């Protein structure tokens, strides 16, 4: 199993790109600021370049100050080049950790 960490910004940016067939087992979004922040999360199939409402799986999830939002109920099976993108309501406030394994 492997992990990747990214500091989120206000523009939807990659937090994980599959480099083969992988399973994402859990994602953590940690708000290190002293105020609540909103999170948007997108899944894009390989070859798509723009995160839009068709790719959105979580919208405006509020993460309380100094709290962590965990996505672990469903596993995501990704093909080579599939992307997970995220953005938040303020820069330098939320970090993501994605745990994945190749299949």
N, C-alpha and C. Protein backbone atom coordinates (compact mmCIF):
# COMPACT_ATOMS: atom_id res chain seq x y z
N UNK A 1 0.85 -1.17 0.00
CA UNK A 1 0.00 0.00 0.00
C UNK A 1 0.89 1.23 0.00
N UNK A 2 0.40 2.30 -0.62
CA UNK A 2 1.18 3.53 -0.71
C UNK A 2 0.27 4.72 -0.40
N UNK A 3 0.89 5.87 -0.13
CA UNK A 3 0.13 7.09 0.13
C UNK A 3 0.70 8.25 -0.68
N UNK A 4 -0.13 9.24 -0.87
CA UNK A 4 0.29 10.50 -1.47
C UNK A 4 -0.36 11.63 -0.69
N UNK A 5 0.38 12.73 -0.48
CA UNK A 5 -0.11 13.88 0.27
C UNK A 5 -0.06 15.13 -0.59
N UNK A 6 -1.10 15.95 -0.49
CA UNK A 6 -1.18 17.19 -1.26
C UNK A 6 -1.84 18.27 -0.41
N UNK A 7 -1.32 19.49 -0.48
CA UNK A 7 -1.99 20.64 0.13
C UNK A 7 -2.99 21.18 -0.89
N UNK A 8 -4.25 21.30 -0.50
CA UNK A 8 -5.30 21.71 -1.44
C UNK A 8 -5.34 23.22 -1.61
N UNK A 9 -5.84 23.62 -2.80
CA UNK A 9 -6.01 25.04 -3.13
C UNK A 9 -7.44 25.25 -3.61
N UNK A 10 -7.76 26.48 -3.97
CA UNK A 10 -9.13 26.82 -4.36
C UNK A 10 -9.49 26.34 -5.77
N UNK A 11 -8.52 25.99 -6.58
CA UNK A 11 -8.75 25.47 -7.93
C UNK A 11 -8.68 23.95 -7.88
N UNK A 12 -9.63 23.27 -8.51
CA UNK A 12 -9.63 21.80 -8.51
C UNK A 12 -8.34 21.28 -9.13
N UNK A 13 -7.56 20.58 -8.33
CA UNK A 13 -6.24 20.08 -8.74
C UNK A 13 -6.12 18.61 -8.38
N UNK A 14 -5.22 17.92 -9.08
CA UNK A 14 -5.04 16.50 -8.83
C UNK A 14 -4.50 16.26 -7.42
N UNK A 15 -5.14 15.30 -6.75
CA UNK A 15 -4.58 14.81 -5.49
C UNK A 15 -4.08 13.38 -5.67
N UNK A 16 -4.53 12.73 -6.76
CA UNK A 16 -4.03 11.39 -7.10
C UNK A 16 -4.33 11.11 -8.56
N UNK A 17 -3.33 10.56 -9.27
CA UNK A 17 -3.50 10.09 -10.64
C UNK A 17 -3.04 8.64 -10.68
N UNK A 18 -3.90 7.76 -11.11
CA UNK A 18 -3.57 6.33 -11.15
C UNK A 18 -2.52 6.07 -12.23
N UNK A 19 -1.48 5.36 -11.86
CA UNK A 19 -0.42 5.02 -12.81
C UNK A 19 -0.47 3.54 -13.18
N UNK A 20 -1.64 2.99 -13.12
CA UNK A 20 -1.91 1.59 -13.42
C UNK A 20 -3.29 1.31 -12.87
N UNK A 21 -3.67 0.08 -12.75
CA UNK A 21 -4.94 -0.24 -12.11
C UNK A 21 -4.71 -0.23 -10.61
N UNK A 22 -5.45 0.63 -9.90
CA UNK A 22 -5.26 0.79 -8.46
C UNK A 22 -6.61 0.82 -7.74
N UNK A 23 -6.55 0.56 -6.45
CA UNK A 23 -7.70 0.71 -5.58
C UNK A 23 -7.34 1.76 -4.53
N UNK A 24 -8.19 2.78 -4.43
CA UNK A 24 -8.04 3.78 -3.38
C UNK A 24 -8.87 3.29 -2.20
N UNK A 25 -8.19 3.07 -1.07
CA UNK A 25 -8.87 2.49 0.09
C UNK A 25 -9.41 3.55 1.05
N UNK A 26 -8.73 4.69 1.15
CA UNK A 26 -9.17 5.73 2.07
C UNK A 26 -8.57 7.07 1.65
N UNK A 27 -9.32 8.14 1.91
CA UNK A 27 -8.83 9.51 1.69
C UNK A 27 -9.11 10.32 2.95
N UNK A 28 -8.12 11.08 3.39
CA UNK A 28 -8.24 11.96 4.55
C UNK A 28 -8.10 13.40 4.09
N UNK A 29 -8.93 14.28 4.64
CA UNK A 29 -8.85 15.70 4.35
C UNK A 29 -8.79 16.42 5.69
N UNK A 30 -7.62 16.94 6.02
CA UNK A 30 -7.35 17.52 7.33
C UNK A 30 -7.33 19.04 7.25
N UNK A 31 -8.25 19.67 7.96
CA UNK A 31 -8.32 21.13 8.03
C UNK A 31 -7.45 21.59 9.20
N UNK A 32 -6.32 22.19 8.89
CA UNK A 32 -5.39 22.64 9.92
C UNK A 32 -5.61 24.09 10.34
N UNK A 33 -6.64 24.72 9.78
CA UNK A 33 -6.88 26.13 10.09
C UNK A 33 -7.83 26.26 11.28
N UNK A 34 -8.05 27.48 11.70
CA UNK A 34 -8.90 27.76 12.86
C UNK A 34 -10.34 28.09 12.47
N UNK A 35 -10.67 27.97 11.18
CA UNK A 35 -12.05 28.18 10.71
C UNK A 35 -12.45 27.04 9.79
N UNK A 36 -13.76 26.81 9.67
CA UNK A 36 -14.28 25.75 8.80
C UNK A 36 -13.95 26.04 7.33
N UNK A 37 -13.74 25.00 6.57
CA UNK A 37 -13.48 25.10 5.12
C UNK A 37 -14.38 24.13 4.39
N UNK A 38 -14.73 24.46 3.14
CA UNK A 38 -15.56 23.59 2.31
C UNK A 38 -14.70 22.85 1.30
N UNK A 39 -15.04 21.58 1.08
CA UNK A 39 -14.30 20.68 0.19
C UNK A 39 -15.19 20.23 -0.96
N UNK A 40 -14.62 20.19 -2.17
CA UNK A 40 -15.25 19.57 -3.34
C UNK A 40 -14.32 18.49 -3.84
N UNK A 41 -14.89 17.35 -4.24
CA UNK A 41 -14.10 16.20 -4.68
C UNK A 41 -14.64 15.69 -6.01
N UNK A 42 -13.73 15.38 -6.95
CA UNK A 42 -14.09 14.98 -8.30
C UNK A 42 -13.35 13.70 -8.70
N UNK A 43 -14.01 12.85 -9.49
CA UNK A 43 -13.38 11.68 -10.12
C UNK A 43 -13.45 11.86 -11.62
N UNK A 44 -12.29 11.87 -12.27
CA UNK A 44 -12.22 12.07 -13.71
C UNK A 44 -11.65 10.84 -14.39
N UNK A 45 -12.36 10.31 -15.41
CA UNK A 45 -11.79 9.20 -16.16
C UNK A 45 -10.59 9.67 -16.98
N UNK A 46 -9.73 8.76 -17.29
CA UNK A 46 -8.54 9.07 -18.09
C UNK A 46 -8.93 9.82 -19.36
N UNK A 47 -8.17 10.86 -19.67
CA UNK A 47 -8.42 11.64 -20.88
C UNK A 47 -9.27 12.87 -20.66
N UNK A 48 -9.90 13.02 -19.50
CA UNK A 48 -10.68 14.20 -19.19
C UNK A 48 -9.78 15.21 -18.50
N UNK A 49 -9.89 16.47 -18.90
CA UNK A 49 -9.01 17.50 -18.36
C UNK A 49 -9.69 18.50 -17.45
N UNK A 50 -11.03 18.55 -17.45
CA UNK A 50 -11.72 19.58 -16.70
C UNK A 50 -12.64 18.97 -15.66
N UNK A 51 -12.42 19.30 -14.40
CA UNK A 51 -13.31 18.86 -13.33
C UNK A 51 -14.58 19.71 -13.40
N UNK A 52 -15.73 19.05 -13.57
CA UNK A 52 -17.00 19.78 -13.61
C UNK A 52 -18.05 18.98 -12.84
N UNK A 53 -19.29 19.45 -12.88
CA UNK A 53 -20.34 18.81 -12.08
C UNK A 53 -20.57 17.37 -12.49
N UNK A 54 -20.27 16.99 -13.71
CA UNK A 54 -20.44 15.60 -14.15
C UNK A 54 -19.47 14.67 -13.43
N UNK A 55 -18.36 15.21 -12.91
CA UNK A 55 -17.33 14.41 -12.24
C UNK A 55 -17.37 14.54 -10.72
N UNK A 56 -18.25 15.39 -10.20
CA UNK A 56 -18.24 15.70 -8.77
C UNK A 56 -18.90 14.59 -7.95
N UNK A 57 -18.21 14.16 -6.88
CA UNK A 57 -18.78 13.15 -5.99
C UNK A 57 -19.07 13.69 -4.59
N UNK A 58 -18.43 14.77 -4.20
CA UNK A 58 -18.73 15.48 -2.95
C UNK A 58 -18.75 16.96 -3.26
N UNK A 59 -19.77 17.68 -2.76
CA UNK A 59 -19.89 19.11 -3.02
C UNK A 59 -20.06 19.87 -1.70
N UNK A 60 -19.20 20.85 -1.52
CA UNK A 60 -19.27 21.76 -0.37
C UNK A 60 -19.40 21.04 0.97
N UNK A 61 -18.58 20.02 1.15
CA UNK A 61 -18.53 19.32 2.44
C UNK A 61 -17.78 20.22 3.42
N UNK A 62 -18.44 20.60 4.48
CA UNK A 62 -17.80 21.48 5.45
C UNK A 62 -16.94 20.66 6.42
N UNK A 63 -15.68 21.06 6.51
CA UNK A 63 -14.75 20.43 7.45
C UNK A 63 -14.49 21.45 8.56
N UNK A 64 -14.86 21.10 9.75
CA UNK A 64 -14.71 22.01 10.90
C UNK A 64 -13.24 22.35 11.13
N UNK A 65 -13.01 23.46 11.81
CA UNK A 65 -11.65 23.86 12.16
C UNK A 65 -10.96 22.74 12.92
N UNK A 66 -9.70 22.49 12.57
CA UNK A 66 -8.88 21.48 13.25
C UNK A 66 -9.53 20.09 13.27
N UNK A 67 -10.23 19.75 12.18
CA UNK A 67 -10.89 18.45 12.10
C UNK A 67 -10.49 17.76 10.79
N UNK A 68 -10.84 16.48 10.67
CA UNK A 68 -10.51 15.69 9.49
C UNK A 68 -11.77 15.02 8.96
N UNK A 69 -11.97 15.12 7.65
CA UNK A 69 -13.05 14.42 6.96
C UNK A 69 -12.44 13.18 6.30
N UNK A 70 -13.06 12.01 6.53
CA UNK A 70 -12.52 10.75 6.04
C UNK A 70 -13.49 10.13 5.05
N UNK A 71 -12.97 9.72 3.89
CA UNK A 71 -13.76 8.99 2.89
C UNK A 71 -13.23 7.57 2.88
N UNK A 72 -14.00 6.64 3.48
CA UNK A 72 -13.52 5.27 3.58
C UNK A 72 -14.62 4.21 3.45
N UNK A 73 -15.84 4.62 3.17
CA UNK A 73 -16.94 3.66 3.10
C UNK A 73 -16.92 2.81 1.83
N UNK A 74 -16.49 3.38 0.72
CA UNK A 74 -16.43 2.67 -0.55
C UNK A 74 -15.00 2.74 -1.08
N UNK A 75 -14.58 1.67 -1.71
CA UNK A 75 -13.26 1.65 -2.34
C UNK A 75 -13.42 2.10 -3.79
N UNK A 76 -12.44 2.84 -4.30
CA UNK A 76 -12.47 3.31 -5.68
C UNK A 76 -11.50 2.49 -6.52
N UNK A 77 -11.99 1.87 -7.57
CA UNK A 77 -11.15 1.11 -8.49
C UNK A 77 -10.87 2.02 -9.67
N UNK A 78 -9.58 2.34 -9.90
CA UNK A 78 -9.19 3.29 -10.94
C UNK A 78 -8.33 2.61 -11.99
N UNK A 79 -8.54 3.00 -13.24
CA UNK A 79 -7.71 2.53 -14.35
C UNK A 79 -6.55 3.50 -14.54
N UNK A 80 -5.60 3.12 -15.35
CA UNK A 80 -4.45 3.96 -15.64
C UNK A 80 -4.91 5.32 -16.15
N UNK A 81 -4.43 6.39 -15.52
CA UNK A 81 -4.74 7.75 -15.95
C UNK A 81 -5.97 8.37 -15.31
N UNK A 82 -6.79 7.58 -14.61
CA UNK A 82 -7.93 8.16 -13.90
C UNK A 82 -7.40 9.10 -12.81
N UNK A 83 -8.17 10.16 -12.53
CA UNK A 83 -7.70 11.20 -11.61
C UNK A 83 -8.71 11.47 -10.50
N UNK A 84 -8.18 11.79 -9.34
CA UNK A 84 -8.99 12.34 -8.25
C UNK A 84 -8.53 13.78 -8.07
N UNK A 85 -9.48 14.70 -8.13
CA UNK A 85 -9.18 16.12 -7.93
C UNK A 85 -9.99 16.66 -6.78
N UNK A 86 -9.47 17.71 -6.17
CA UNK A 86 -10.18 18.35 -5.06
C UNK A 86 -9.86 19.84 -5.04
N UNK A 87 -10.75 20.59 -4.43
CA UNK A 87 -10.47 21.99 -4.13
C UNK A 87 -11.18 22.35 -2.84
N UNK A 88 -10.71 23.43 -2.22
CA UNK A 88 -11.27 23.90 -0.95
C UNK A 88 -11.53 25.40 -1.04
N UNK A 89 -12.23 25.90 -0.03
CA UNK A 89 -12.64 27.30 -0.04
C UNK A 89 -11.54 28.29 0.30
N UNK A 90 -10.36 27.83 0.74
CA UNK A 90 -9.25 28.72 1.03
C UNK A 90 -7.93 27.96 0.87
N UNK A 91 -6.94 28.62 0.30
CA UNK A 91 -5.62 28.00 0.13
C UNK A 91 -4.94 27.76 1.47
N UNK A 92 -4.02 26.80 1.48
CA UNK A 92 -3.15 26.53 2.63
C UNK A 92 -3.91 26.24 3.92
N UNK A 93 -5.04 25.54 3.80
CA UNK A 93 -5.81 25.24 5.00
C UNK A 93 -6.10 23.75 5.15
N UNK A 94 -6.16 23.02 4.03
CA UNK A 94 -6.55 21.61 4.07
C UNK A 94 -5.52 20.77 3.32
N UNK A 95 -5.13 19.66 3.92
CA UNK A 95 -4.24 18.71 3.25
C UNK A 95 -5.00 17.42 2.99
N UNK A 96 -4.61 16.74 1.90
CA UNK A 96 -5.23 15.45 1.60
C UNK A 96 -4.19 14.36 1.68
N UNK A 97 -4.63 13.20 2.11
CA UNK A 97 -3.81 11.98 2.10
C UNK A 97 -4.65 10.91 1.45
N UNK A 98 -4.09 10.30 0.39
CA UNK A 98 -4.78 9.23 -0.34
C UNK A 98 -3.97 7.97 -0.16
N UNK A 99 -4.65 6.89 0.28
CA UNK A 99 -4.00 5.60 0.42
C UNK A 99 -4.50 4.68 -0.69
N UNK A 100 -3.56 4.04 -1.40
CA UNK A 100 -3.94 3.23 -2.57
C UNK A 100 -3.04 2.00 -2.67
N UNK A 101 -3.50 1.05 -3.47
CA UNK A 101 -2.74 -0.17 -3.72
C UNK A 101 -2.95 -0.60 -5.16
N UNK A 102 -1.89 -1.07 -5.81
CA UNK A 102 -2.00 -1.56 -7.18
C UNK A 102 -2.69 -2.91 -7.22
N UNK A 103 -3.41 -3.13 -8.32
CA UNK A 103 -4.07 -4.45 -8.49
C UNK A 103 -3.68 -5.06 -9.84
